[in-house]
Amino acid sequence: MIKLIKGSKIALSSLGIHKLRTLLALIGIIIGVGSVIAMISIGEGTKKEVLSKIEDMGTNLLIVSAGQIQTFGGRPSLVGNVTTLTWKDADAIENEIASVSQLSPSQQKKCKIKWRDQVTTTSVIGVTPDFPEVRNFYPVQGEFFSDAELSAAMRVAVLGKTIKENLFGKDNPIGELIRIENVPFYVIGAMEEKGLNVYGQDDDDVIFIPLTTGLRRLFNLTHINNIYIQVRDKASMEKTAREVEELLRERHRLRPGVGSDFTIQSQSELTETQTEVTDTFTKILGSVAVVSLLVGGIGILAVMLMTVKERTREIGVRRAVGAKKRDILIQFLFEASVLSIGGGLIGITFGVLAAVITGLITKWPIFTPIYSLLLSFSFAIIIGIFFGVFPARRAAQLKPVEALRYE
């Protein structure tokens, strides 16, 4: 025990004497540990943000889309021009499937919007009055349109936050007359802020109108492109999806073996897909950061090898007065451990601060899990000891006579 304490003091003294060399070795570990924590924090923050966006889409939500939906570059795209999904399909789903709580069919189109001398383009979405409940998306000014306004195909509109600010700034839009493709609409409400969806699209850059009005007076269509379905309970999601698929295939007269002309997506499927993407993103970021940590380990190796070379005569003296190989080995391993532990602790602080500052500057979501701190710190210690073993063994293997003769 006394020898261990004495060797530790010698090791600390040596690190203190060569301050610049010690600092350079520490910087490598600090940057490595800090990079791992910062990268994982960014990846995990993105993951939590994406999952939060999926939850915000609604409760127990199924989305039926016309045609086959494929994702290109992280964004969903409709393959083909399918016109077989209709409002009557939505009515059949609501009336024939008991586990459906409520639903809202929809159709949308990019349209030119004008108010006074302000002109812009946005997505105009025709929906039904159940849309706010189904999609968990409510007005904060005015009101959403009613069943009576839907039945009468009234020209009323509810604005998303982005289009409201683009047209009216901070002015109250309620009661104002806007023109959608030169068709006049009265603004009766403004929606709460929704933000970007899981595909990076702005869910606030929209205008909602009654679906009847959109199909008859604006889009000149008889089909729809989406049906948003709220299921009564989470346990019934898979069963409801199967029943919806069977019902629509029957209504669309699709023979066995023929692919469906629609796509059904659930929140759980979206969650799994997005989780896979964000997990891969986090692993890539973490892998890049681990390289920095390995570079830090190589820095420790270089410093320790240089230290062994410079202190060869000292090692010879210690061996000559009775120090064993084990004592020399422990001394140099202790020096490597001090570098890795010290660098790891400072690196944790550096990594957390770097993650917070990155979040403040870029507005990215940041979340630092405890496991990232433990993982990076443990890895720093392992790397420090691993790269410290070779120079420590080299020092311990020196023969006293040869070490004393070393110039």
Protein backbone atom coordinates (compact mmCIF):
# COMPACT_ATOMS: atom_id res chain seq x y z
CA MET A 1 0.00 0.00 0.00
CA ILE A 2 2.85 2.36 0.89
CA LYS A 3 4.55 1.60 -2.44
CA LEU A 4 1.29 2.29 -4.28
CA ILE A 5 0.88 5.70 -2.58
CA LYS A 6 4.53 6.55 -3.26
CA GLY A 7 4.21 5.53 -6.91
CA SER A 8 1.05 7.61 -7.25
CA LYS A 9 2.85 10.67 -5.88
CA ILE A 10 5.69 10.16 -8.36
CA ALA A 11 3.19 9.82 -11.21
CA LEU A 12 1.32 13.01 -10.27
CA SER A 13 4.61 14.86 -9.83
CA SER A 14 5.72 13.80 -13.29
CA LEU A 15 2.47 14.97 -14.88
CA GLY A 16 2.79 18.29 -13.05
CA ILE A 17 6.33 18.86 -14.24
CA HIS A 18 5.44 18.35 -17.91
CA LYS A 19 2.36 20.61 -17.92
CA LEU A 20 2.19 21.30 -21.65
CA ARG A 21 2.53 17.63 -22.57
CA THR A 22 -0.09 16.69 -19.97
CA LEU A 23 -2.44 19.40 -21.29
CA LEU A 24 -2.12 18.16 -24.89
CA ALA A 25 -2.96 14.60 -23.81
CA LEU A 26 -5.93 15.88 -21.79
CA ILE A 27 -7.25 17.94 -24.71
CA GLY A 28 -7.48 14.83 -26.88
CA ILE A 29 -9.62 13.02 -24.29
CA ILE A 30 -11.69 16.14 -23.52
CA ILE A 31 -12.55 16.69 -27.18
CA GLY A 32 -13.32 12.98 -27.66
CA VAL A 33 -15.62 12.69 -24.63
CA GLY A 34 -17.23 16.06 -25.30
CA SER A 35 -17.89 15.14 -28.94
CA VAL A 36 -19.54 11.84 -28.00
CA ILE A 37 -21.86 13.55 -25.50
CA ALA A 38 -22.70 16.46 -27.83
CA MET A 39 -23.42 14.22 -30.82
CA ILE A 40 -25.59 11.80 -28.84
CA SER A 41 -27.44 14.76 -27.28
CA ILE A 42 -28.27 16.13 -30.72
CA GLY A 43 -29.36 12.71 -31.99
CA GLU A 44 -31.50 11.90 -28.94
CA GLY A 45 -33.02 15.38 -28.95
CA THR A 46 -34.01 14.94 -32.58
CA LYS A 47 -35.52 11.56 -31.76
CA LYS A 48 -37.64 12.93 -28.90
CA GLU A 49 -38.78 15.84 -31.07
CA VAL A 50 -39.84 13.50 -33.90
CA LEU A 51 -41.76 11.21 -31.52
CA SER A 52 -43.42 14.24 -29.96
CA LYS A 53 -44.53 15.41 -33.42
CA ILE A 54 -46.04 11.99 -34.13
CA GLU A 55 -47.95 12.07 -30.84
CA ASP A 56 -49.19 15.58 -31.66
CA MET A 57 -50.77 14.28 -34.87
CA GLY A 58 -53.67 12.91 -32.82
CA THR A 59 -54.69 10.12 -30.48
CA ASN A 60 -54.88 6.53 -31.81
CA LEU A 61 -54.67 7.82 -35.37
CA LEU A 62 -54.90 5.87 -38.63
CA ILE A 63 -54.25 7.66 -41.92
CA VAL A 64 -55.72 6.28 -45.14
CA SER A 65 -54.08 7.81 -48.22
CA ALA A 66 -55.05 7.38 -51.85
CA GLY A 67 -52.46 5.43 -53.82
CA GLN A 68 -49.18 4.02 -52.59
CA ILE A 69 -47.13 6.27 -50.31
CA GLN A 70 -43.37 5.99 -50.66
CA THR A 71 -40.71 8.00 -48.85
CA PHE A 72 -38.00 9.72 -50.90
CA GLY A 73 -35.31 11.71 -49.09
CA GLY A 74 -37.24 11.49 -45.84
CA ARG A 75 -40.47 12.86 -47.31
CA PRO A 76 -43.64 10.97 -48.28
CA SER A 77 -44.71 11.05 -51.92
CA LEU A 78 -47.81 9.70 -53.65
CA VAL A 79 -47.01 7.22 -56.40
CA GLY A 80 -49.47 7.51 -59.26
CA ASN A 81 -52.64 9.59 -59.60
CA VAL A 82 -55.33 7.63 -57.76
CA THR A 83 -58.94 8.88 -57.74
CA THR A 84 -60.70 5.88 -56.19
CA LEU A 85 -60.81 7.11 -52.58
CA THR A 86 -64.05 9.00 -51.97
CA TRP A 87 -66.07 10.66 -49.23
CA LYS A 88 -68.48 7.71 -49.38
CA ASP A 89 -65.58 5.44 -48.38
CA ALA A 90 -65.12 7.59 -45.27
CA ASP A 91 -68.84 7.35 -44.46
CA ALA A 92 -68.71 3.56 -44.87
CA ILE A 93 -65.74 3.29 -42.50
CA GLU A 94 -67.50 5.43 -39.87
CA ASN A 95 -70.79 3.52 -40.15
CA GLU A 96 -69.55 -0.07 -40.48
CA ILE A 97 -66.49 -0.29 -38.24
CA ALA A 98 -67.46 -0.14 -34.57
CA SER A 99 -63.97 0.66 -33.22
CA VAL A 100 -63.82 3.95 -35.14
CA SER A 101 -64.48 6.88 -32.82
CA GLN A 102 -64.58 9.65 -35.44
CA LEU A 103 -62.90 10.57 -38.69
CA SER A 104 -62.29 13.37 -41.13
CA PRO A 105 -61.82 12.98 -44.89
CA SER A 106 -59.66 15.61 -46.58
CA GLN A 107 -58.50 16.94 -49.93
CA GLN A 108 -55.85 19.60 -50.45
CA LYS A 109 -54.30 21.73 -53.14
CA LYS A 110 -51.72 24.50 -53.41
CA CYS A 111 -53.58 27.73 -54.09
CA LYS A 112 -52.88 31.43 -54.54
CA ILE A 113 -54.13 33.50 -51.62
CA LYS A 114 -54.82 37.25 -51.75
CA TRP A 115 -55.76 39.78 -49.09
CA ARG A 116 -55.71 43.41 -50.16
CA ASP A 117 -52.25 43.86 -51.74
CA GLN A 118 -50.78 40.78 -50.02
CA VAL A 119 -50.37 37.70 -52.25
CA THR A 120 -48.94 34.30 -51.29
CA THR A 121 -49.32 30.59 -52.01
CA THR A 122 -50.21 27.94 -49.46
CA SER A 123 -51.90 24.56 -49.01
CA VAL A 124 -55.68 24.79 -48.83
CA ILE A 125 -57.17 21.74 -47.12
CA GLY A 126 -60.82 20.78 -47.25
CA VAL A 127 -61.86 18.89 -44.10
CA THR A 128 -64.90 18.22 -41.90
CA PRO A 129 -65.73 19.75 -38.48
CA ASP A 130 -64.33 16.66 -36.69
CA PHE A 131 -60.83 17.45 -37.94
CA PRO A 132 -59.64 19.36 -34.83
CA GLU A 133 -60.60 16.48 -32.51
CA VAL A 134 -59.18 13.79 -34.79
CA ARG A 135 -55.86 15.60 -35.40
CA ASN A 136 -55.54 17.26 -31.97
CA PHE A 137 -55.30 20.65 -33.68
CA TYR A 138 -57.56 23.45 -32.39
CA PRO A 139 -58.33 27.13 -33.13
CA VAL A 140 -57.03 29.78 -30.72
CA GLN A 141 -58.96 32.64 -32.33
CA GLY A 142 -62.52 32.53 -33.56
CA GLU A 143 -63.88 29.05 -34.24
CA PHE A 144 -63.74 26.10 -36.59
CA PHE A 145 -66.58 25.72 -39.07
CA SER A 146 -69.70 23.76 -38.10
CA ASP A 147 -71.72 20.92 -39.63
CA ALA A 148 -74.22 23.49 -40.90
CA GLU A 149 -71.48 25.41 -42.72
CA LEU A 150 -70.17 22.13 -44.13
CA SER A 151 -73.63 21.11 -45.41
CA ALA A 152 -74.21 24.52 -46.99
CA ALA A 153 -70.72 24.58 -48.54
CA MET A 154 -70.08 27.97 -46.99
CA ARG A 155 -67.06 29.98 -48.08
CA VAL A 156 -65.39 30.21 -44.69
CA ALA A 157 -61.73 29.67 -43.82
CA VAL A 158 -59.59 28.94 -40.76
CA LEU A 159 -55.97 30.07 -41.03
CA GLY A 160 -52.81 28.34 -39.85
CA LYS A 161 -50.38 30.44 -37.82
CA THR A 162 -47.83 30.90 -40.62
CA ILE A 163 -50.29 32.04 -43.30
CA LYS A 164 -52.04 34.27 -40.75
CA GLU A 165 -48.76 36.06 -39.96
CA ASN A 166 -47.80 36.26 -43.65
CA LEU A 167 -51.07 37.95 -44.57
CA PHE A 168 -52.13 39.88 -41.48
CA GLY A 169 -49.02 40.19 -39.30
CA LYS A 170 -50.26 40.95 -35.78
CA ASP A 171 -53.68 42.18 -36.94
CA ASN A 172 -56.85 40.27 -36.08
CA PRO A 173 -57.91 38.31 -39.20
CA ILE A 174 -61.38 37.29 -37.94
CA GLY A 175 -64.11 38.61 -40.24
CA GLU A 176 -61.70 39.61 -43.00
CA LEU A 177 -62.38 38.66 -46.61
CA ILE A 178 -59.59 36.78 -48.42
CA ARG A 179 -59.52 35.36 -51.93
CA ILE A 180 -58.46 31.79 -52.64
CA GLU A 181 -57.90 31.43 -56.39
CA ASN A 182 -60.15 34.55 -56.73
CA VAL A 183 -62.98 32.89 -54.77
CA PRO A 184 -63.93 35.02 -51.72
CA PHE A 185 -63.75 33.41 -48.26
CA TYR A 186 -64.47 34.90 -44.84
CA VAL A 187 -61.94 34.16 -42.12
CA ILE A 188 -63.73 32.74 -39.06
CA GLY A 189 -60.78 31.34 -37.08
CA ALA A 190 -57.04 30.95 -36.62
CA MET A 191 -55.34 27.74 -35.51
CA GLU A 192 -52.84 27.17 -32.71
CA GLU A 193 -49.19 26.73 -33.60
CA LYS A 194 -48.32 23.22 -34.73
CA GLY A 195 -44.79 23.66 -36.09
CA LEU A 196 -42.91 21.35 -38.44
CA ASN A 197 -44.19 17.82 -38.88
CA VAL A 198 -42.05 14.66 -38.87
CA TYR A 199 -41.13 15.26 -42.53
CA GLY A 200 -39.96 18.82 -41.95
CA GLN A 201 -43.05 20.42 -43.53
CA ASP A 202 -44.72 23.44 -41.94
CA ASP A 203 -48.12 22.35 -40.59
CA ASP A 204 -48.98 26.00 -39.91
CA ASP A 205 -48.68 27.09 -43.54
CA VAL A 206 -52.24 25.95 -44.33
CA ILE A 207 -55.82 27.16 -44.66
CA PHE A 208 -58.72 24.91 -43.67
CA ILE A 209 -62.06 25.16 -45.47
CA PRO A 210 -65.20 22.94 -45.49
CA LEU A 211 -64.58 19.87 -47.62
CA THR A 212 -67.84 20.43 -49.54
CA THR A 213 -66.72 23.94 -50.46
CA GLY A 214 -63.31 22.72 -51.56
CA LEU A 215 -64.59 19.88 -53.75
CA ARG A 216 -67.43 21.86 -55.39
CA ARG A 217 -66.18 25.43 -55.64
CA LEU A 218 -62.38 25.30 -55.54
CA PHE A 219 -60.85 21.94 -56.47
CA ASN A 220 -63.53 20.72 -58.90
CA LEU A 221 -62.99 17.13 -57.72
CA THR A 222 -65.14 14.25 -56.50
CA HIS A 223 -62.39 12.22 -54.81
CA ILE A 224 -60.31 12.81 -51.69
CA ASN A 225 -56.68 12.03 -50.88
CA ASN A 226 -56.79 11.29 -47.13
CA ILE A 227 -59.03 9.95 -44.39
CA TYR A 228 -57.90 10.63 -40.82
CA ILE A 229 -59.38 8.02 -38.48
CA GLN A 230 -59.44 8.15 -34.69
CA VAL A 231 -59.70 4.68 -33.13
CA ARG A 232 -61.52 4.27 -29.79
CA ASP A 233 -58.58 2.66 -27.99
CA LYS A 234 -54.96 1.84 -28.71
CA ALA A 235 -55.48 -1.92 -28.37
CA SER A 236 -57.84 -1.87 -31.37
CA MET A 237 -55.42 -0.13 -33.77
CA GLU A 238 -54.19 -3.21 -35.67
CA LYS A 239 -57.65 -4.81 -35.80
CA THR A 240 -59.21 -1.56 -37.05
CA ALA A 241 -56.52 -1.16 -39.72
CA ARG A 242 -57.26 -4.68 -41.01
CA GLU A 243 -61.00 -4.02 -41.06
CA VAL A 244 -60.52 -0.71 -42.90
CA GLU A 245 -58.32 -2.43 -45.47
CA GLU A 246 -60.86 -5.24 -46.03
CA LEU A 247 -63.74 -2.78 -46.33
CA LEU A 248 -61.97 -0.51 -48.82
CA ARG A 249 -60.72 -3.39 -50.94
CA GLU A 250 -64.30 -4.69 -51.11
CA ARG A 251 -65.69 -1.25 -51.98
CA HIS A 252 -63.00 -0.70 -54.63
CA ARG A 253 -63.65 -4.23 -56.03
CA LEU A 254 -60.05 -5.33 -55.81
CA ARG A 255 -59.51 -9.03 -56.53
CA PRO A 256 -57.26 -11.19 -54.30
CA GLY A 257 -53.62 -10.81 -55.29
CA VAL A 258 -54.15 -7.31 -56.68
CA GLY A 259 -52.36 -4.56 -54.74
CA SER A 260 -54.42 -2.00 -52.83
CA ASP A 261 -54.99 1.43 -54.38
CA PHE A 262 -54.61 3.04 -50.96
CA THR A 263 -52.15 3.06 -48.06
CA ILE A 264 -52.97 2.78 -44.36
CA GLN A 265 -50.46 4.17 -41.87
CA SER A 266 -50.70 4.10 -38.09
CA GLN A 267 -48.91 6.20 -35.50
CA SER A 268 -47.03 3.11 -34.30
CA GLU A 269 -45.71 2.46 -37.83
CA LEU A 270 -44.65 6.09 -38.19
CA THR A 271 -42.98 5.89 -34.78
CA GLU A 272 -41.05 2.74 -35.70
CA THR A 273 -39.93 4.17 -39.05
CA GLN A 274 -38.83 7.50 -37.63
CA THR A 275 -37.14 5.83 -34.65
CA GLU A 276 -35.06 3.69 -37.02
CA VAL A 277 -34.03 6.80 -38.96
CA THR A 278 -33.11 8.84 -35.86
CA ASP A 279 -31.33 5.89 -34.22
CA THR A 280 -29.20 5.48 -37.34
CA PHE A 281 -28.52 9.23 -37.30
CA THR A 282 -27.46 9.08 -33.64
CA LYS A 283 -25.19 6.08 -34.24
CA ILE A 284 -23.47 7.82 -37.14
CA LEU A 285 -22.89 10.94 -35.06
CA GLY A 286 -21.67 8.85 -32.13
CA SER A 287 -19.31 6.86 -34.35
CA VAL A 288 -17.74 10.03 -35.71
CA ALA A 289 -17.26 11.29 -32.15
CA VAL A 290 -15.72 7.99 -31.01
CA VAL A 291 -12.97 8.52 -33.61
CA SER A 292 -12.06 11.72 -31.75
CA LEU A 293 -11.88 9.71 -28.54
CA LEU A 294 -9.54 7.18 -30.16
CA VAL A 295 -7.34 10.04 -31.33
CA GLY A 296 -7.22 11.18 -27.71
CA GLY A 297 -6.10 7.69 -26.71
CA ILE A 298 -3.32 7.82 -29.27
CA GLY A 299 -2.30 11.14 -27.73
CA ILE A 300 -1.96 9.41 -24.35
CA LEU A 301 0.12 6.66 -25.97
CA ALA A 302 2.48 9.22 -27.53
CA VAL A 303 2.85 11.16 -24.28
CA MET A 304 3.49 8.02 -22.23
CA LEU A 305 6.07 6.67 -24.68
CA MET A 306 7.88 10.01 -24.60
CA THR A 307 7.74 10.00 -20.80
CA VAL A 308 9.21 6.49 -20.60
CA LYS A 309 12.06 7.52 -22.92
CA GLU A 310 12.89 10.65 -20.93
CA ARG A 311 12.72 8.89 -17.57
CA THR A 312 14.71 5.79 -18.50
CA ARG A 313 17.53 6.63 -16.07
CA GLU A 314 15.00 7.36 -13.32
CA ILE A 315 13.44 3.94 -13.92
CA GLY A 316 16.89 2.36 -13.73
CA VAL A 317 17.60 4.04 -10.38
CA ARG A 318 14.27 2.91 -8.93
CA ARG A 319 14.84 -0.66 -10.09
CA ALA A 320 18.41 -0.57 -8.68
CA VAL A 321 17.16 0.40 -5.20
CA GLY A 322 14.56 -2.37 -5.08
CA ALA A 323 11.50 -1.32 -7.09
CA LYS A 324 9.82 -4.28 -8.80
CA LYS A 325 8.46 -4.46 -12.34
CA ARG A 326 4.97 -4.33 -10.87
CA ASP A 327 5.74 -1.01 -9.13
CA ILE A 328 6.94 0.59 -12.39
CA LEU A 329 3.94 -0.83 -14.27
CA ILE A 330 1.48 0.55 -11.70
CA GLN A 331 3.15 3.97 -11.72
CA PHE A 332 2.82 4.45 -15.46
CA LEU A 333 -0.68 2.94 -15.59
CA PHE A 334 -1.64 5.39 -12.85
CA GLU A 335 -0.38 8.29 -14.96
CA ALA A 336 -2.42 7.08 -17.94
CA SER A 337 -5.49 6.63 -15.70
CA VAL A 338 -5.15 10.15 -14.30
CA LEU A 339 -5.05 11.53 -17.84
CA SER A 340 -8.09 9.55 -18.97
CA ILE A 341 -10.16 10.16 -15.81
CA GLY A 342 -9.29 13.85 -15.67
CA GLY A 343 -9.94 14.27 -19.37
CA GLY A 344 -13.18 12.32 -19.06
CA LEU A 345 -14.56 14.48 -16.24
CA ILE A 346 -13.64 17.74 -17.97
CA GLY A 347 -14.94 16.30 -21.26
CA ILE A 348 -18.36 15.60 -19.71
CA THR A 349 -18.67 19.25 -18.70
CA PHE A 350 -17.43 20.38 -22.10
CA GLY A 351 -19.85 18.03 -23.93
CA VAL A 352 -22.92 19.14 -21.97
CA LEU A 353 -22.07 22.81 -22.47
CA ALA A 354 -21.37 22.24 -26.17
CA ALA A 355 -24.76 20.52 -26.57
CA VAL A 356 -26.60 23.33 -24.78
CA ILE A 357 -24.84 26.06 -26.77
CA THR A 358 -25.49 24.19 -30.04
CA GLY A 359 -29.18 23.97 -29.15
CA LEU A 360 -29.37 27.68 -28.35
CA ILE A 361 -27.63 28.74 -31.55
CA THR A 362 -29.28 26.34 -34.00
CA LYS A 363 -32.65 25.96 -32.18
CA TRP A 364 -32.23 22.19 -32.52
CA PRO A 365 -33.85 20.04 -29.83
CA ILE A 366 -31.23 18.80 -27.36
CA PHE A 367 -31.51 15.94 -24.86
CA THR A 368 -28.54 14.54 -22.96
CA PRO A 369 -29.28 11.03 -21.63
CA ILE A 370 -27.43 9.76 -18.56
CA TYR A 371 -26.15 6.75 -20.49
CA SER A 372 -24.17 9.04 -22.83
CA LEU A 373 -22.26 10.46 -19.84
CA LEU A 374 -21.52 7.04 -18.38
CA LEU A 375 -20.68 5.53 -21.77
CA SER A 376 -18.27 8.26 -22.83
CA PHE A 377 -16.58 8.41 -19.39
CA SER A 378 -16.18 4.62 -19.24
CA PHE A 379 -14.85 4.54 -22.78
CA ALA A 380 -12.35 7.30 -21.92
CA ILE A 381 -11.02 5.27 -18.98
CA ILE A 382 -10.82 2.08 -21.05
CA ILE A 383 -9.00 3.88 -23.87
CA GLY A 384 -6.62 5.58 -21.43
CA ILE A 385 -5.70 2.31 -19.76
CA PHE A 386 -5.53 0.45 -23.08
CA PHE A 387 -3.12 2.95 -24.62
CA GLY A 388 -1.24 3.22 -21.35
CA VAL A 389 -0.51 -0.51 -21.03
CA PHE A 390 2.10 -0.66 -23.80
CA PRO A 391 4.35 2.16 -22.53
CA ALA A 392 3.82 0.94 -18.94
CA ARG A 393 4.94 -2.58 -19.87
CA ARG A 394 7.83 -1.16 -21.84
CA ALA A 395 8.97 0.81 -18.78
CA ALA A 396 8.56 -2.20 -16.49
CA GLN A 397 10.58 -4.44 -18.80
CA LEU A 398 13.64 -2.15 -18.80
CA LYS A 399 16.71 -3.79 -17.25
CA PRO A 400 18.23 -1.70 -14.42
CA VAL A 401 21.81 -1.80 -15.80
CA GLU A 402 20.79 -0.78 -19.33
CA ALA A 403 18.47 1.93 -17.99
CA LEU A 404 21.30 3.42 -15.84
CA ARG A 405 23.59 3.52 -18.90
CA TYR A 406 20.91 5.31 -21.04
CA GLU A 407 21.91 8.81 -22.13
